[in-house]
Structures are given as structure tokens and as C-alpha cells.
């Protein structure tokens, strides 16, 4: 996962710095950076809990959880923005609302990311207070402390569930609209006696494959996160904990490889990288 995301970031970052604007490449670059942070936060959390629990003091716990929360939030919304970006760039409906949003797709994506950052601010604040109360050694009234901790913990779990469920729902709607548009496109081509494998149809199908893979992996990840936060008692078992961590890591890892596969520039760079050791071995063998 780190390899795939670093590759995406390096390839797209150079082009994006030359033309800094909101585009699919710009969203991919930001998504790759967020997922690198997200993967390392998940790996550190998993390592500390399973192998070295003594390192899990209050400061480390808060830093890791905040890093994961922020990277998870932007990873989900950037991936959703990518689905919406594909929809507005490919689909073409006669609705005035759709056309209005299509002409302003960059502003729509930017406002969506900035708007959801308000939710992130409250989520990080609630998480930090919740973690501080849980690990604080300051003696207070036990009943009052327990009630406050329960309220904060419930608020944190609710916000986390919503920040995963809402972008998933928006991606699902984008996917259904894309399917509907492709069905209309294929039907129109059949009526005109054209082949169904024209370049525009191939672009539509490739975009749909990307969105389908994202939805499947995102659904698995979302269920894993929801089960983790709402069923913490089962996570006391080491085997269950490792299974949940493995399922969670597949989403930011495998989806990044799928993004490479559906992008010609990234695919060529990836294949040339894989080709280098073989060329090096051939040159070494001829000496």
C-alpha cells in the first residue's frame, strides 16, 4: 500500500506543481499522501497494541488516533470527490441542476472538502478530550467522570460512523448515476447502429470499474471500522483484532493499485519500474 501511494504521489506531484489546479491528478496526489499517513497510523497502532503495549501512553495514543482520524476523513472524502469528478466529467444529463454542477465541478469538490473539514474539527476535538479523560490520572468524582466519558465516547463513535457512511452513500449515488448514463449511452448507440466498444464507452466502463472497486473496498472498510468502534469487547481477542486490522488495511492499499491500473500514465510508470530489475539482470548477465 505504501509503495502504490508513494508511486502515485511522486508521479502526479511533479505535474501538479507545474499546473496547480483541482483535477483528477490533483485529487489523486492528495489522496495518496493521506493514505500514506493513514497506513502508517494503522500500522503503528497495530504494532503497539499487539507487540509493545508499554509504549501506548496517553501522548502516543492521542497522536496516533488523531493522525488516523484526519487521514481517514480526507482519504474517504477525496476518494468520494474522485467518484463525483468522474461522474461530472463523463456523464451528461439534461437536468439544469446537473449541468450547473457539471460546469462548476471544481468548485463543488473544493467546497465539499472544505465544508466537511468543519465536521473533522469537532471530531478531533471530541476525540482528543475523550482520550485525555480516559488516560488522565487526575482524580475527580468517579460518577461524573464516567458519565462525561460515556457521552464523549458515544459522540466520537457517532461522528466516526457518519464520516464513513456519508461519503460511501455519495459514492454509491455517483455510481448509480454513472450506470444509468452508460445504459442510456449504449442504448442510443445501438439505435444508431454503432458498435458498443467505441473509445467513449471504454472510458465509461473503466471509470465504472474504478468506482465499483472503490465501493466494494470502502464497504468492507466501513463495516470493519463500525464493528471495531461499536463492538470493542470482541477486540480484546488478539486474533479478532489482527483480522480487523488486516481488513482495514486492504482498503487504502488495494484501491491504490486499482487507481494505478486505471490510469495510463501511472500504469506505464509502474511497468517501467518493474522492468528495471529485469533490464539490470540482463545487462549484468551479458558482462
Protein backbone atom coordinates (compact mmCIF):
# COMPACT_ATOMS: atom_id res chain seq x y z
CA UNK A 1 0.00 0.00 0.00
CA UNK A 2 2.80 2.43 0.84
CA UNK A 3 4.58 1.57 -2.41
CA UNK A 4 1.45 2.23 -4.50
CA UNK A 5 0.64 5.52 -2.77
CA UNK A 6 4.24 6.79 -2.92
CA UNK A 7 4.30 5.98 -6.66
CA UNK A 8 1.04 7.89 -7.23
CA UNK A 9 2.29 10.86 -5.20
CA UNK A 10 5.67 11.06 -6.96
CA UNK A 11 4.28 10.72 -10.50
CA UNK A 12 1.41 13.18 -10.07
CA UNK A 13 3.06 15.65 -7.71
CA UNK A 14 5.58 16.81 -10.32
CA UNK A 15 2.86 17.51 -12.90
CA UNK A 16 0.53 19.10 -10.35
CA UNK A 17 3.17 21.58 -9.11
CA UNK A 18 3.56 22.84 -12.69
CA UNK A 19 -0.21 23.27 -13.07
CA UNK A 20 -1.68 23.68 -9.55
CA UNK A 21 -5.41 23.27 -10.13
CA UNK A 22 -8.20 20.97 -9.00
CA UNK A 23 -8.14 17.96 -11.31
CA UNK A 24 -8.23 14.17 -11.14
CA UNK A 25 -4.41 14.11 -10.82
CA UNK A 26 -4.52 16.71 -8.04
CA UNK A 27 -7.13 14.69 -6.12
CA UNK A 28 -5.07 11.51 -6.65
CA UNK A 29 -1.95 13.22 -5.26
CA UNK A 30 -3.72 14.46 -2.13
CA UNK A 31 -5.39 11.06 -1.70
CA UNK A 32 -2.04 9.27 -1.91
CA UNK A 33 -0.47 11.50 0.77
CA UNK A 34 -3.47 10.98 3.09
CA UNK A 35 -3.33 7.22 2.65
CA UNK A 36 0.40 7.09 3.41
CA UNK A 37 -0.29 8.80 6.76
CA UNK A 38 -3.33 6.58 7.31
CA UNK A 39 -1.42 3.35 6.67
CA UNK A 40 1.44 4.30 9.00
CA UNK A 41 -1.01 5.30 11.75
CA UNK A 42 -2.78 1.94 11.41
CA UNK A 43 0.50 0.00 11.38
CA UNK A 44 1.89 1.82 14.42
CA UNK A 45 -1.40 1.34 16.30
CA UNK A 46 -1.43 -2.37 15.44
CA UNK A 47 2.23 -2.90 16.38
CA UNK A 48 1.96 -1.09 19.71
CA UNK A 49 -1.27 -2.84 20.78
CA UNK A 50 -0.20 -6.35 19.76
CA UNK A 51 3.55 -6.33 20.47
CA UNK A 52 4.52 -3.41 22.71
CA UNK A 53 1.64 -2.14 24.84
CA UNK A 54 4.04 -0.33 27.20
CA UNK A 55 4.62 2.33 24.52
CA UNK A 56 0.93 3.14 24.41
CA UNK A 57 0.94 6.11 26.78
CA UNK A 58 -1.52 8.98 26.57
CA UNK A 59 0.58 11.17 24.20
CA UNK A 60 1.31 8.39 21.70
CA UNK A 61 -2.29 7.19 21.76
CA UNK A 62 -3.73 10.65 21.09
CA UNK A 63 -1.21 11.40 18.29
CA UNK A 64 -1.85 8.07 16.54
CA UNK A 65 -5.63 8.33 16.85
CA UNK A 66 -5.73 11.96 15.66
CA UNK A 67 -3.42 11.14 12.71
CA UNK A 68 -5.67 8.24 11.73
CA UNK A 69 -8.87 10.29 12.16
CA UNK A 70 -7.61 13.17 9.99
CA UNK A 71 -6.13 10.93 7.28
CA UNK A 72 -9.21 8.66 7.30
CA UNK A 73 -11.52 11.67 6.91
CA UNK A 74 -9.65 13.16 3.95
CA UNK A 75 -9.00 9.75 2.38
CA UNK A 76 -12.74 8.98 2.33
CA UNK A 77 -13.79 12.41 1.06
CA UNK A 78 -11.04 12.66 -1.57
CA UNK A 79 -11.94 9.21 -2.90
CA UNK A 80 -15.59 10.28 -2.97
CA UNK A 81 -14.57 13.50 -4.74
CA UNK A 82 -12.81 11.38 -7.35
CA UNK A 83 -16.03 9.41 -7.97
CA UNK A 84 -18.02 12.66 -8.28
CA UNK A 85 -15.32 14.11 -10.55
CA UNK A 86 -15.60 11.07 -12.85
CA UNK A 87 -19.40 11.39 -12.88
CA UNK A 88 -19.43 15.07 -13.88
CA UNK A 89 -16.65 14.67 -16.44
CA UNK A 90 -18.16 11.60 -18.15
CA UNK A 91 -21.93 11.74 -17.70
CA UNK A 92 -24.17 14.24 -19.46
CA UNK A 93 -27.75 14.66 -18.27
CA UNK A 94 -30.22 17.30 -19.42
CA UNK A 95 -31.12 18.34 -15.87
CA UNK A 96 -30.37 22.02 -15.21
CA UNK A 97 -29.11 21.25 -11.70
CA UNK A 98 -26.73 18.60 -13.03
CA UNK A 99 -25.46 20.90 -15.78
CA UNK A 100 -24.96 23.71 -13.27
CA UNK A 101 -22.89 21.41 -11.02
CA UNK A 102 -21.04 19.98 -14.01
CA UNK A 103 -19.84 23.41 -15.12
CA UNK A 104 -18.66 24.11 -11.57
CA UNK A 105 -17.31 20.67 -10.68
CA UNK A 106 -14.02 22.07 -9.32
CA UNK A 107 -15.87 24.44 -7.01
CA UNK A 108 -18.19 21.60 -5.94
CA UNK A 109 -15.24 19.37 -4.99
CA UNK A 110 -13.42 22.21 -3.20
CA UNK A 111 -16.48 23.28 -1.20
CA UNK A 112 -17.23 19.66 -0.28
CA UNK A 113 -13.70 19.14 1.11
CA UNK A 114 -13.67 22.47 2.96
CA UNK A 115 -17.22 22.03 4.25
CA UNK A 116 -16.57 18.60 5.74
CA UNK A 117 -13.44 19.95 7.45
CA UNK A 118 -15.80 21.61 9.97
CA UNK A 119 -17.06 18.15 10.97
CA UNK A 120 -13.44 16.98 11.21
CA UNK A 121 -12.60 19.84 13.59
CA UNK A 122 -15.37 18.81 16.01
CA UNK A 123 -14.44 15.14 15.63
CA UNK A 124 -10.78 15.77 16.50
CA UNK A 125 -11.79 17.96 19.46
CA UNK A 126 -14.16 15.28 20.83
CA UNK A 127 -11.58 12.53 20.23
CA UNK A 128 -8.80 14.44 21.99
CA UNK A 129 -10.95 15.21 25.04
CA UNK A 130 -12.22 11.61 25.14
CA UNK A 131 -8.71 10.15 25.01
CA UNK A 132 -7.41 12.67 27.57
CA UNK A 133 -10.18 11.81 30.04
CA UNK A 134 -9.63 8.07 29.61
CA UNK A 135 -5.88 8.30 30.30
CA UNK A 136 -5.90 11.17 32.80
CA UNK A 137 -4.66 10.46 36.31
CA UNK A 138 -6.43 13.49 37.72
CA UNK A 139 -8.80 12.32 40.46
CA UNK A 140 -12.35 13.56 40.19
CA UNK A 141 -15.79 12.37 41.10
CA UNK A 142 -15.97 8.87 39.55
CA UNK A 143 -19.66 9.06 38.62
CA UNK A 144 -19.28 12.47 36.93
CA UNK A 145 -16.14 11.33 35.11
CA UNK A 146 -17.78 8.13 33.85
CA UNK A 147 -20.86 9.96 32.55
CA UNK A 148 -18.77 12.58 30.72
CA UNK A 149 -16.51 9.91 29.22
CA UNK A 150 -19.52 7.88 28.03
CA UNK A 151 -21.11 10.95 26.37
CA UNK A 152 -17.85 11.90 24.63
CA UNK A 153 -17.15 8.33 23.57
CA UNK A 154 -20.66 7.96 22.11
CA UNK A 155 -20.29 11.29 20.30
CA UNK A 156 -16.92 10.22 18.89
CA UNK A 157 -18.31 6.88 17.65
CA UNK A 158 -21.34 8.58 16.10
CA UNK A 159 -19.22 11.18 14.26
CA UNK A 160 -16.83 8.48 13.04
CA UNK A 161 -19.73 6.38 11.74
CA UNK A 162 -21.24 9.37 9.92
CA UNK A 163 -17.90 10.43 8.36
CA UNK A 164 -17.64 6.95 6.83
CA UNK A 165 -21.28 6.42 5.92
CA UNK A 166 -21.99 9.79 4.22
CA UNK A 167 -19.12 9.65 1.66
CA UNK A 168 -19.98 6.00 0.93
CA UNK A 169 -23.61 6.97 0.21
CA UNK A 170 -22.49 9.81 -2.09
CA UNK A 171 -20.15 7.45 -3.98
CA UNK A 172 -22.97 4.94 -4.33
CA UNK A 173 -25.27 7.61 -5.82
CA UNK A 174 -22.49 8.65 -8.24
CA UNK A 175 -22.06 5.02 -9.27
CA UNK A 176 -25.79 4.51 -9.89
CA UNK A 177 -25.98 7.70 -11.98
CA UNK A 178 -22.95 6.58 -13.98
CA UNK A 179 -24.58 3.18 -14.65
CA UNK A 180 -27.79 4.90 -15.75
CA UNK A 181 -25.89 7.20 -18.11
CA UNK A 182 -23.90 4.29 -19.59
CA UNK A 183 -27.12 2.34 -20.15
CA UNK A 184 -28.64 5.32 -21.99
CA UNK A 185 -25.41 5.78 -23.97
CA UNK A 186 -25.28 2.12 -25.09
CA UNK A 187 -28.98 2.13 -25.98
CA UNK A 188 -28.54 5.27 -28.10
CA UNK A 189 -25.57 3.73 -29.91
CA UNK A 190 -27.48 0.54 -30.65
CA UNK A 191 -30.33 2.57 -32.13
CA UNK A 192 -27.81 4.40 -34.34
CA UNK A 193 -26.25 1.08 -35.41
CA UNK A 194 -22.84 1.82 -33.86
CA UNK A 195 -20.53 -0.58 -32.07
CA UNK A 196 -20.66 -0.67 -28.27
CA UNK A 197 -16.87 -0.74 -27.93
CA UNK A 198 -16.12 2.80 -29.08
CA UNK A 199 -13.49 4.86 -27.19
CA UNK A 200 -16.05 6.83 -25.15
CA UNK A 201 -17.74 3.64 -23.93
CA UNK A 202 -14.38 2.20 -22.90
CA UNK A 203 -13.71 5.33 -20.85
CA UNK A 204 -17.11 4.97 -19.16
CA UNK A 205 -16.54 1.30 -18.36
CA UNK A 206 -13.07 1.98 -16.95
CA UNK A 207 -14.44 4.72 -14.72
CA UNK A 208 -17.19 2.38 -13.55
CA UNK A 209 -14.63 -0.33 -12.73
CA UNK A 210 -12.74 2.18 -10.59
CA UNK A 211 -15.90 3.26 -8.75
CA UNK A 212 -17.09 -0.35 -8.26
CA UNK A 213 -13.75 -1.40 -6.77
CA UNK A 214 -13.76 1.66 -4.52
CA UNK A 215 -17.30 0.94 -3.31
CA UNK A 216 -16.55 -2.72 -2.56
CA UNK A 217 -13.34 -1.97 -0.66
CA UNK A 218 -14.87 1.06 1.06
CA UNK A 219 -17.90 -1.01 2.17
CA UNK A 220 -15.57 -3.65 3.67
CA UNK A 221 -13.51 -0.96 5.38
CA UNK A 222 -16.58 0.89 6.67
CA UNK A 223 -18.08 -2.29 8.16
CA UNK A 224 -14.73 -3.08 9.77
CA UNK A 225 -14.48 0.38 11.33
CA UNK A 226 -18.10 0.34 12.54
CA UNK A 227 -17.71 -3.13 14.07
CA UNK A 228 -14.45 -2.03 15.68
CA UNK A 229 -15.86 1.06 17.38
CA UNK A 230 -19.27 -0.40 18.34
CA UNK A 231 -18.08 -3.85 19.44
CA UNK A 232 -14.85 -3.13 21.30
CA UNK A 233 -15.27 -6.09 23.69
CA UNK A 234 -14.60 -8.59 20.90
CA UNK A 235 -11.40 -6.71 20.03
CA UNK A 236 -9.85 -7.87 23.29
CA UNK A 237 -9.21 -11.16 21.47
CA UNK A 238 -5.89 -10.89 19.64
CA UNK A 239 -6.98 -12.98 16.61
CA UNK A 240 -10.10 -10.85 16.06
CA UNK A 241 -8.05 -7.68 16.42
CA UNK A 242 -5.48 -8.80 13.84
CA UNK A 243 -8.26 -9.84 11.41
CA UNK A 244 -9.95 -6.42 11.70
CA UNK A 245 -6.63 -4.61 11.20
CA UNK A 246 -5.84 -6.70 8.11
CA UNK A 247 -9.28 -6.00 6.60
CA UNK A 248 -8.93 -2.28 7.31
CA UNK A 249 -5.51 -2.05 5.63
CA UNK A 250 -6.77 -3.66 2.39
CA UNK A 251 -8.88 -0.58 1.52
CA UNK A 252 -6.13 2.09 1.31
CA UNK A 253 -3.69 -0.46 -0.15
CA UNK A 254 -5.53 -2.40 -2.86
CA UNK A 255 -7.60 0.56 -4.07
CA UNK A 256 -4.39 2.50 -4.75
CA UNK A 257 -3.16 -0.31 -7.03
CA UNK A 258 -6.50 -0.25 -8.85
CA UNK A 259 -6.11 3.51 -9.36
CA UNK A 260 -2.68 2.83 -10.89
CA UNK A 261 -4.17 0.20 -13.20
CA UNK A 262 -6.92 2.54 -14.46
CA UNK A 263 -4.52 5.44 -15.13
CA UNK A 264 -2.36 5.10 -18.25
CA UNK A 265 0.43 7.37 -17.01
CA UNK A 266 0.65 5.57 -13.66
CA UNK A 267 0.48 2.15 -15.32
CA UNK A 268 3.37 2.98 -17.66
CA UNK A 269 5.48 4.26 -14.75
CA UNK A 270 4.65 1.19 -12.67
CA UNK A 271 5.54 -1.22 -15.51
CA UNK A 272 8.77 0.63 -16.29
CA UNK A 273 9.70 0.41 -12.60
CA UNK A 274 9.07 -3.35 -12.63
CA UNK A 275 11.04 -3.67 -15.88
CA UNK A 276 14.17 -2.04 -14.45
CA UNK A 277 15.39 -5.07 -12.40
CA UNK A 278 14.98 -7.35 -15.42
CA UNK A 279 16.98 -4.99 -17.64
CA UNK A 280 19.62 -4.70 -14.91
CA UNK A 281 19.88 -8.50 -14.67
CA UNK A 282 20.19 -8.81 -18.46
CA UNK A 283 22.98 -6.25 -18.57
CA UNK A 284 24.73 -7.97 -15.68
CA UNK A 285 24.35 -11.36 -17.38
CA UNK A 286 25.97 -10.17 -20.62
CA UNK A 287 29.13 -8.96 -18.82
